[in-house]
Protein backbone atom coordinates (compact mmCIF):
# COMPACT_ATOMS: atom_id res chain seq x y z
CA MET A 1 0.00 0.00 0.00
CA LYS A 2 1.20 3.51 -0.85
CA ARG A 3 0.65 6.06 1.90
CA LEU A 4 0.30 9.73 1.06
CA ALA A 5 0.41 12.87 3.16
CA ILE A 6 -1.12 16.10 1.90
CA PHE A 7 0.17 19.51 2.99
CA ALA A 8 -2.23 22.46 2.62
CA SER A 9 -2.43 25.99 3.99
CA GLY A 10 -5.95 27.10 3.11
CA SER A 11 -9.39 25.94 2.00
CA GLY A 12 -8.29 22.49 0.90
CA SER A 13 -10.57 21.82 -2.06
CA ASN A 14 -7.70 20.09 -3.87
CA ALA A 15 -6.84 18.07 -0.76
CA GLU A 16 -10.45 16.93 -0.43
CA ASN A 17 -10.64 16.10 -4.13
CA ILE A 18 -7.46 14.01 -3.89
CA ALA A 19 -8.67 12.24 -0.73
CA ARG A 20 -12.01 11.36 -2.34
CA TYR A 21 -10.27 10.12 -5.51
CA PHE A 22 -7.93 7.81 -3.57
CA SER A 23 -10.65 6.61 -1.17
CA LYS A 24 -11.93 4.45 -4.06
CA LYS A 25 -8.50 2.85 -4.54
CA PRO A 26 -7.60 0.31 -1.83
CA GLU A 27 -3.92 0.25 -2.79
CA PHE A 28 -3.56 3.87 -1.62
CA GLU A 29 -4.19 5.66 1.67
CA ILE A 30 -4.23 9.32 2.62
CA SER A 31 -2.44 8.90 5.94
CA ALA A 32 -2.62 12.53 7.07
CA ILE A 33 -3.29 16.11 6.13
CA LEU A 34 -0.82 18.61 7.55
CA SER A 35 -1.13 22.38 7.78
CA ASN A 36 0.84 25.36 8.99
CA ASN A 37 -2.45 27.24 9.52
CA ALA A 38 -4.57 26.25 12.53
CA ASN A 39 -7.55 28.09 11.00
CA ALA A 40 -7.31 26.47 7.56
CA TYR A 41 -10.60 25.02 6.33
CA VAL A 42 -8.66 22.00 5.04
CA LEU A 43 -8.61 20.76 8.66
CA SER A 44 -12.43 20.64 8.74
CA ARG A 45 -12.43 18.82 5.42
CA ALA A 46 -9.95 16.29 6.83
CA SER A 47 -12.09 15.79 9.93
CA ASN A 48 -15.19 15.19 7.78
CA LEU A 49 -13.22 12.55 5.85
CA ASN A 50 -11.79 10.96 9.04
CA ILE A 51 -8.22 11.73 8.00
CA PRO A 52 -5.72 12.45 10.79
CA THR A 53 -4.25 15.96 10.85
CA LEU A 54 -1.21 17.71 12.19
CA VAL A 55 -0.90 21.48 12.66
CA PHE A 56 2.56 22.91 13.06
CA SER A 57 4.28 26.26 13.41
CA ARG A 58 6.82 27.65 10.98
CA SER A 59 9.60 27.13 13.53
CA GLU A 60 8.54 23.49 14.15
CA PHE A 61 8.56 22.98 10.38
CA ASN A 62 11.95 24.56 9.73
CA GLU A 63 13.88 23.94 12.94
CA THR A 64 12.78 20.53 14.27
CA ASP A 65 12.12 16.98 13.09
CA LYS A 66 8.51 17.04 14.36
CA ILE A 67 7.01 16.75 10.86
CA LEU A 68 9.57 14.19 9.69
CA ASP A 69 8.93 12.06 12.81
CA PHE A 70 5.17 12.28 12.26
CA LEU A 71 5.48 11.22 8.60
CA THR A 72 7.77 8.35 9.56
CA GLU A 73 5.30 7.21 12.23
CA LYS A 74 2.52 7.26 9.62
CA LYS A 75 4.76 5.33 7.16
CA VAL A 76 4.24 7.99 4.49
CA ASP A 77 5.76 7.16 1.08
CA PHE A 78 4.78 10.26 -0.89
CA ILE A 79 3.95 13.90 -0.15
CA VAL A 80 1.47 16.06 -2.04
CA LEU A 81 1.52 19.85 -1.72
CA ALA A 82 -1.97 21.19 -2.44
CA GLY A 83 -2.06 24.91 -1.78
CA PHE A 84 0.83 24.78 0.67
CA LEU A 85 2.74 28.04 0.84
CA LEU A 86 5.97 27.28 2.73
CA LEU A 87 9.27 26.26 1.18
CA LEU A 88 10.13 22.74 2.29
CA PRO A 89 13.06 22.27 4.67
CA ILE A 90 16.04 20.21 3.60
CA ASN A 91 15.27 17.35 6.04
CA LEU A 92 12.01 16.59 4.18
CA LEU A 93 13.62 16.93 0.76
CA ARG A 94 16.35 14.46 1.76
CA LYS A 95 13.91 11.95 3.26
CA TYR A 96 11.58 12.06 0.23
CA PRO A 97 13.74 12.51 -2.88
CA ASN A 98 11.59 12.56 -6.04
CA SER A 99 8.57 11.82 -3.84
CA ILE A 100 7.10 15.28 -3.28
CA VAL A 101 4.78 16.82 -5.85
CA ASN A 102 3.20 20.28 -6.03
CA ILE A 103 0.59 21.96 -8.17
CA HIS A 104 0.92 25.57 -9.30
CA PRO A 105 -1.97 27.63 -10.75
CA ALA A 106 -0.06 28.88 -13.82
CA LEU A 107 2.05 27.60 -16.67
CA LEU A 108 5.52 27.56 -15.16
CA PRO A 109 8.06 28.99 -15.56
CA LYS A 110 5.71 31.98 -15.92
CA TYR A 111 4.16 33.40 -12.74
CA GLY A 112 6.07 31.21 -10.33
CA GLY A 113 8.33 31.79 -7.38
CA LYS A 114 8.02 33.27 -3.91
CA GLY A 115 4.84 35.29 -3.43
CA MET A 116 3.14 33.95 -6.55
CA TYR A 117 0.13 32.00 -5.35
CA GLY A 118 -3.66 32.05 -5.57
CA MET A 119 -5.30 35.22 -6.81
CA LYS A 120 -1.92 36.97 -7.13
CA VAL A 121 -1.11 34.61 -10.01
CA HIS A 122 -4.45 35.11 -11.75
CA GLN A 123 -4.21 38.90 -11.37
CA ALA A 124 -0.74 38.86 -12.95
CA VAL A 125 -2.01 36.72 -15.86
CA LEU A 126 -4.82 39.25 -16.36
CA GLU A 127 -2.57 42.32 -16.13
CA ASN A 128 -0.19 40.86 -18.70
CA LYS A 129 -3.08 40.19 -21.09
CA GLU A 130 -2.24 36.51 -21.45
CA THR A 131 -4.50 34.52 -23.79
CA GLU A 132 -4.01 31.30 -21.85
CA SER A 133 -3.17 30.08 -18.40
CA GLY A 134 -3.26 26.69 -16.78
CA ILE A 135 -1.76 24.40 -14.19
CA THR A 136 1.68 22.94 -13.69
CA ILE A 137 2.28 19.81 -11.67
CA HIS A 138 5.93 19.53 -10.72
CA MET A 139 8.30 17.71 -8.44
CA VAL A 140 9.52 19.74 -5.47
CA ASN A 141 13.09 20.82 -4.88
CA GLU A 142 14.74 23.43 -2.65
CA LYS A 143 13.37 26.40 -4.63
CA TYR A 144 9.83 27.66 -5.19
CA ASP A 145 8.28 26.27 -8.38
CA GLU A 146 11.54 25.16 -9.98
CA GLY A 147 11.30 21.36 -9.73
CA LYS A 148 10.98 19.10 -12.76
CA ILE A 149 7.69 19.70 -14.58
CA VAL A 150 5.61 16.54 -14.77
CA PHE A 151 2.41 17.81 -16.41
CA GLN A 152 0.74 20.97 -17.68
CA ALA A 153 -2.81 21.66 -18.83
CA THR A 154 -4.06 24.90 -20.33
CA CYS A 155 -7.22 26.96 -20.44
CA SER A 156 -8.04 30.01 -22.51
CA VAL A 157 -8.18 33.48 -21.01
CA SER A 158 -10.48 35.93 -22.74
CA PRO A 159 -10.17 39.73 -22.54
CA ASP A 160 -13.37 39.97 -20.49
CA ASP A 161 -12.31 37.36 -17.89
CA SER A 162 -11.82 38.52 -14.32
CA ALA A 163 -9.20 37.05 -11.98
CA GLU A 164 -12.06 35.11 -10.37
CA ASP A 165 -13.05 33.68 -13.78
CA ILE A 166 -9.49 32.52 -14.34
CA ALA A 167 -9.38 31.03 -10.84
CA GLU A 168 -12.51 28.99 -11.58
CA LYS A 169 -11.02 27.64 -14.83
CA ILE A 170 -7.83 26.74 -12.98
CA HIS A 171 -9.74 24.95 -10.18
CA GLN A 172 -11.51 22.83 -12.79
CA LEU A 173 -8.17 21.80 -14.29
CA GLU A 174 -6.68 21.10 -10.85
CA HIS A 175 -9.56 18.87 -9.81
CA LYS A 176 -9.62 17.03 -13.13
CA PHE A 177 -5.90 16.29 -13.43
CA PHE A 178 -4.08 16.45 -10.08
CA PRO A 179 -5.29 13.12 -8.58
CA LYS A 180 -4.70 11.26 -11.86
CA ILE A 181 -1.16 12.59 -12.23
CA ILE A 182 -0.38 11.72 -8.60
CA GLU A 183 -1.58 8.18 -9.26
CA GLN A 184 0.64 7.94 -12.36
CA LEU A 185 3.64 9.13 -10.35
CA LEU A 186 3.00 6.41 -7.75
């Protein structure tokens, strides 16, 4: 059995979508959902799905082995970042080489890097009058959004789209493709 952990910082719609997708596949288990935000709605979603959670501080994440110990205890094989905003510490990268995947709401290398997340990305796409946007699923390394690209999917952006319209198109792509690509990687 492959055991996954999902890291999320916010609402958690992708985390829930991934958990529901893998709940129908007995060879996989979502062992935990972890968050750096005690008020993140993803924790309620996890509770509703009976998935264990762990909330941690930035200092616990960066300066201790608390998260690594928790993942080891849960026998986690693979980590999924789904709206998680912190750069991963070296201890996690070393423990899970080529086993951490992230999704970004733009076509990397455009609109990536520190500070480029959520509506900030969609607003930048709009301001630059792009005719398309999309998602990038990539492996995680020590830099924001610079790991090996595994998959991209595009959507059109029309001149009358708002940032919210773009966000909705991106969410549809994320929900359609992210669980399937994770499964292929496993």
